Amino acid sequence: MLIALIVVLGFAAGYIFYSQFTGPAPAPEPPIVSGRDDLKKFETLQINFSVLDNAKYKTLEVFGESPVVPGTTGKKNIFAPF
């Protein structure tokens, strides 16, 4: 009798828990794509290249080889114990 009561209470709790989720959530709608006006805000873009004439910028050095040559890396057998 006690086992039947536990089973019935389990089914009732499961029904209450799963009935809260009535259906899948709606998919989010993508934003509305406007025409070619998106690039209009860049029409008056002014880039300041004076930073390239800065003394601190000109003292920067390149370290290492350029372009990087990717040599042999990693293990040949990843399951080897050494």
N, C-alpha and C. Protein backbone atom coordinates (compact mmCIF):
# COMPACT_ATOMS: atom_id res chain seq x y z
N MET A 1 0.81 -1.19 0.00
CA MET A 1 0.00 0.00 0.00
C MET A 1 0.87 1.26 0.00
N LEU A 2 1.92 1.21 0.78
CA LEU A 2 2.83 2.36 0.88
C LEU A 2 3.56 2.58 -0.45
N ILE A 3 3.94 1.51 -1.11
CA ILE A 3 4.63 1.63 -2.39
C ILE A 3 3.70 2.24 -3.44
N ALA A 4 2.45 1.84 -3.43
CA ALA A 4 1.48 2.39 -4.39
C ALA A 4 1.28 3.89 -4.15
N LEU A 5 1.26 4.30 -2.89
CA LEU A 5 1.12 5.72 -2.56
C LEU A 5 2.33 6.51 -3.04
N ILE A 6 3.52 5.96 -2.87
CA ILE A 6 4.75 6.62 -3.32
C ILE A 6 4.75 6.75 -4.84
N VAL A 7 4.32 5.71 -5.54
CA VAL A 7 4.27 5.74 -7.00
C VAL A 7 3.26 6.78 -7.47
N VAL A 8 2.10 6.83 -6.86
CA VAL A 8 1.07 7.80 -7.25
C VAL A 8 1.57 9.22 -6.99
N LEU A 9 2.19 9.45 -5.84
CA LEU A 9 2.73 10.78 -5.54
C LEU A 9 3.86 11.14 -6.51
N GLY A 10 4.64 10.17 -6.92
CA GLY A 10 5.70 10.42 -7.90
C GLY A 10 5.13 10.83 -9.24
N PHE A 11 4.09 10.12 -9.69
CA PHE A 11 3.44 10.49 -10.95
C PHE A 11 2.81 11.88 -10.86
N ALA A 12 2.19 12.18 -9.72
CA ALA A 12 1.56 13.50 -9.55
C ALA A 12 2.62 14.60 -9.56
N ALA A 13 3.72 14.38 -8.87
CA ALA A 13 4.79 15.38 -8.86
C ALA A 13 5.40 15.55 -10.25
N GLY A 14 5.59 14.44 -10.95
CA GLY A 14 6.12 14.52 -12.31
C GLY A 14 5.18 15.25 -13.24
N TYR A 15 3.88 15.00 -13.10
CA TYR A 15 2.90 15.69 -13.95
C TYR A 15 2.91 17.19 -13.67
N ILE A 16 2.94 17.56 -12.40
CA ILE A 16 2.96 18.98 -12.05
C ILE A 16 4.24 19.64 -12.56
N PHE A 17 5.36 18.96 -12.40
CA PHE A 17 6.64 19.53 -12.84
C PHE A 17 6.68 19.71 -14.36
N TYR A 18 6.31 18.68 -15.11
CA TYR A 18 6.42 18.75 -16.56
C TYR A 18 5.28 19.53 -17.21
N SER A 19 4.17 19.73 -16.50
CA SER A 19 3.08 20.50 -17.10
C SER A 19 3.38 22.00 -17.09
N GLN A 20 4.39 22.42 -16.35
CA GLN A 20 4.76 23.84 -16.34
C GLN A 20 5.39 24.25 -17.66
N PHE A 21 5.98 23.32 -18.34
CA PHE A 21 6.62 23.59 -19.62
C PHE A 21 5.63 23.23 -20.73
N THR A 22 4.84 24.20 -21.14
CA THR A 22 3.75 23.92 -22.07
C THR A 22 4.24 23.65 -23.48
N GLY A 23 5.31 24.28 -23.89
CA GLY A 23 5.78 24.08 -25.26
C GLY A 23 7.16 24.68 -25.42
N PRO A 24 7.74 24.47 -26.57
CA PRO A 24 9.07 25.01 -26.80
C PRO A 24 9.03 26.54 -26.87
N ALA A 25 10.10 27.13 -26.46
CA ALA A 25 10.20 28.59 -26.50
C ALA A 25 10.25 29.05 -27.95
N PRO A 26 9.64 30.17 -28.25
CA PRO A 26 9.68 30.66 -29.63
C PRO A 26 11.09 31.08 -30.02
N ALA A 27 11.43 30.83 -31.26
CA ALA A 27 12.76 31.19 -31.75
C ALA A 27 12.86 32.71 -31.85
N PRO A 28 14.03 33.26 -31.50
CA PRO A 28 14.18 34.71 -31.61
C PRO A 28 14.14 35.16 -33.07
N GLU A 29 13.51 36.27 -33.30
CA GLU A 29 13.40 36.79 -34.66
C GLU A 29 14.66 37.57 -35.00
N PRO A 30 15.19 37.38 -36.19
CA PRO A 30 16.39 38.14 -36.57
C PRO A 30 16.05 39.61 -36.72
N PRO A 31 17.03 40.48 -36.50
CA PRO A 31 16.75 41.91 -36.64
C PRO A 31 16.43 42.26 -38.09
N ILE A 32 15.68 43.30 -38.25
CA ILE A 32 15.29 43.74 -39.58
C ILE A 32 16.52 44.31 -40.29
N VAL A 33 16.76 43.82 -41.49
CA VAL A 33 17.91 44.28 -42.26
C VAL A 33 17.50 45.51 -43.04
N SER A 34 18.20 46.59 -42.77
CA SER A 34 17.90 47.80 -43.53
C SER A 34 18.73 47.80 -44.81
N GLY A 35 18.46 48.73 -45.66
CA GLY A 35 19.12 48.78 -46.96
C GLY A 35 20.58 49.17 -46.85
N ARG A 36 21.07 49.84 -47.82
CA ARG A 36 22.47 50.24 -47.87
C ARG A 36 22.76 51.44 -46.97
N ASP A 37 21.82 51.87 -46.19
CA ASP A 37 22.04 53.01 -45.30
C ASP A 37 22.95 52.66 -44.14
N ASP A 38 23.25 51.38 -43.94
CA ASP A 38 24.11 50.98 -42.84
C ASP A 38 25.50 51.58 -42.98
N LEU A 39 25.99 51.74 -44.19
CA LEU A 39 27.34 52.26 -44.40
C LEU A 39 27.37 53.77 -44.49
N LYS A 40 26.25 54.42 -44.43
CA LYS A 40 26.21 55.88 -44.51
C LYS A 40 26.92 56.52 -43.33
N LYS A 41 26.91 55.87 -42.17
CA LYS A 41 27.56 56.47 -41.00
C LYS A 41 29.07 56.50 -41.15
N PHE A 42 29.64 55.71 -42.04
CA PHE A 42 31.08 55.73 -42.28
C PHE A 42 31.47 56.70 -43.38
N GLU A 43 30.50 57.39 -43.93
CA GLU A 43 30.77 58.30 -45.04
C GLU A 43 31.67 59.45 -44.61
N THR A 44 31.53 59.90 -43.39
CA THR A 44 32.34 61.02 -42.90
C THR A 44 33.46 60.56 -41.97
N LEU A 45 33.84 59.32 -42.05
CA LEU A 45 34.89 58.78 -41.20
C LEU A 45 36.23 59.42 -41.52
N GLN A 46 36.91 59.90 -40.50
CA GLN A 46 38.23 60.51 -40.65
C GLN A 46 39.21 59.70 -39.81
N ILE A 47 40.24 59.16 -40.43
CA ILE A 47 41.24 58.37 -39.73
C ILE A 47 42.46 59.25 -39.47
N ASN A 48 42.90 59.27 -38.22
CA ASN A 48 44.02 60.11 -37.83
C ASN A 48 45.30 59.27 -37.90
N PHE A 49 46.13 59.51 -38.91
CA PHE A 49 47.37 58.77 -39.08
C PHE A 49 48.55 59.44 -38.39
N SER A 50 48.31 60.48 -37.62
CA SER A 50 49.42 61.18 -36.97
C SER A 50 50.08 60.32 -35.90
N VAL A 51 49.40 59.30 -35.41
CA VAL A 51 50.00 58.42 -34.41
C VAL A 51 51.19 57.67 -35.00
N LEU A 52 51.22 57.48 -36.31
CA LEU A 52 52.33 56.78 -36.94
C LEU A 52 53.59 57.63 -36.97
N ASP A 53 53.46 58.93 -36.77
CA ASP A 53 54.61 59.82 -36.73
C ASP A 53 55.14 60.01 -35.31
N ASN A 54 54.54 59.37 -34.34
CA ASN A 54 54.95 59.50 -32.94
C ASN A 54 56.32 58.86 -32.75
N ALA A 55 57.17 59.47 -31.89
CA ALA A 55 58.52 58.96 -31.65
C ALA A 55 58.48 57.60 -30.95
N LYS A 56 57.54 57.39 -30.04
CA LYS A 56 57.45 56.10 -29.35
C LYS A 56 57.06 54.99 -30.32
N TYR A 57 56.22 55.30 -31.28
CA TYR A 57 55.83 54.31 -32.27
C TYR A 57 57.01 53.93 -33.14
N LYS A 58 57.83 54.89 -33.48
CA LYS A 58 58.97 54.63 -34.36
C LYS A 58 60.07 53.85 -33.67
N THR A 59 60.09 53.82 -32.32
CA THR A 59 61.12 53.06 -31.60
C THR A 59 60.73 51.60 -31.39
N LEU A 60 59.54 51.20 -31.80
CA LEU A 60 59.14 49.81 -31.64
C LEU A 60 59.98 48.91 -32.53
N GLU A 61 60.29 47.71 -32.01
CA GLU A 61 61.11 46.76 -32.75
C GLU A 61 60.34 45.46 -32.95
N VAL A 62 60.70 44.72 -33.98
CA VAL A 62 60.10 43.42 -34.24
C VAL A 62 60.98 42.36 -33.60
N PHE A 63 60.41 41.53 -32.74
CA PHE A 63 61.15 40.46 -32.09
C PHE A 63 60.78 39.13 -32.72
N GLY A 64 61.75 38.29 -32.95
CA GLY A 64 61.50 36.98 -33.54
C GLY A 64 61.48 37.06 -35.05
N GLU A 65 61.32 35.90 -35.65
CA GLU A 65 61.32 35.87 -37.11
C GLU A 65 59.93 36.20 -37.63
N SER A 66 59.91 36.83 -38.77
CA SER A 66 58.65 37.19 -39.38
C SER A 66 58.76 36.90 -40.87
N PRO A 67 57.92 36.16 -41.47
CA PRO A 67 56.77 35.46 -40.91
C PRO A 67 57.22 34.24 -40.11
N VAL A 68 56.37 33.78 -39.24
CA VAL A 68 56.68 32.64 -38.38
C VAL A 68 56.67 31.37 -39.22
N VAL A 69 57.74 30.60 -39.10
CA VAL A 69 57.83 29.32 -39.80
C VAL A 69 57.35 28.25 -38.82
N PRO A 70 56.28 27.53 -39.15
CA PRO A 70 55.74 26.59 -38.17
C PRO A 70 56.53 25.31 -38.10
N GLY A 71 57.52 25.05 -37.53
CA GLY A 71 58.30 23.81 -37.55
C GLY A 71 57.49 22.61 -37.11
N THR A 72 58.17 21.54 -36.73
CA THR A 72 57.51 20.33 -36.26
C THR A 72 57.17 20.51 -34.79
N THR A 73 55.93 20.35 -34.45
CA THR A 73 55.50 20.53 -33.06
C THR A 73 54.67 19.35 -32.62
N GLY A 74 54.57 19.17 -31.34
CA GLY A 74 53.73 18.13 -30.78
C GLY A 74 54.35 16.75 -30.89
N LYS A 75 53.63 15.78 -30.36
CA LYS A 75 54.08 14.39 -30.40
C LYS A 75 53.59 13.73 -31.68
N LYS A 76 54.36 12.76 -32.15
CA LYS A 76 53.90 11.99 -33.31
C LYS A 76 52.82 11.01 -32.88
N ASN A 77 53.00 10.40 -31.69
CA ASN A 77 52.01 9.48 -31.15
C ASN A 77 51.52 10.07 -29.84
N ILE A 78 50.30 10.57 -29.81
CA ILE A 78 49.82 11.23 -28.60
C ILE A 78 49.56 10.25 -27.46
N PHE A 79 49.52 8.95 -27.75
CA PHE A 79 49.28 7.96 -26.71
C PHE A 79 50.57 7.36 -26.18
N ALA A 80 51.71 7.79 -26.68
CA ALA A 80 52.99 7.28 -26.20
C ALA A 80 53.25 7.82 -24.79
N PRO A 81 53.85 7.01 -23.90
CA PRO A 81 54.06 7.45 -22.52
C PRO A 81 55.20 8.46 -22.37
N PHE A 82 55.99 8.69 -23.37
CA PHE A 82 57.12 9.62 -23.24
C PHE A 82 56.85 10.92 -23.91
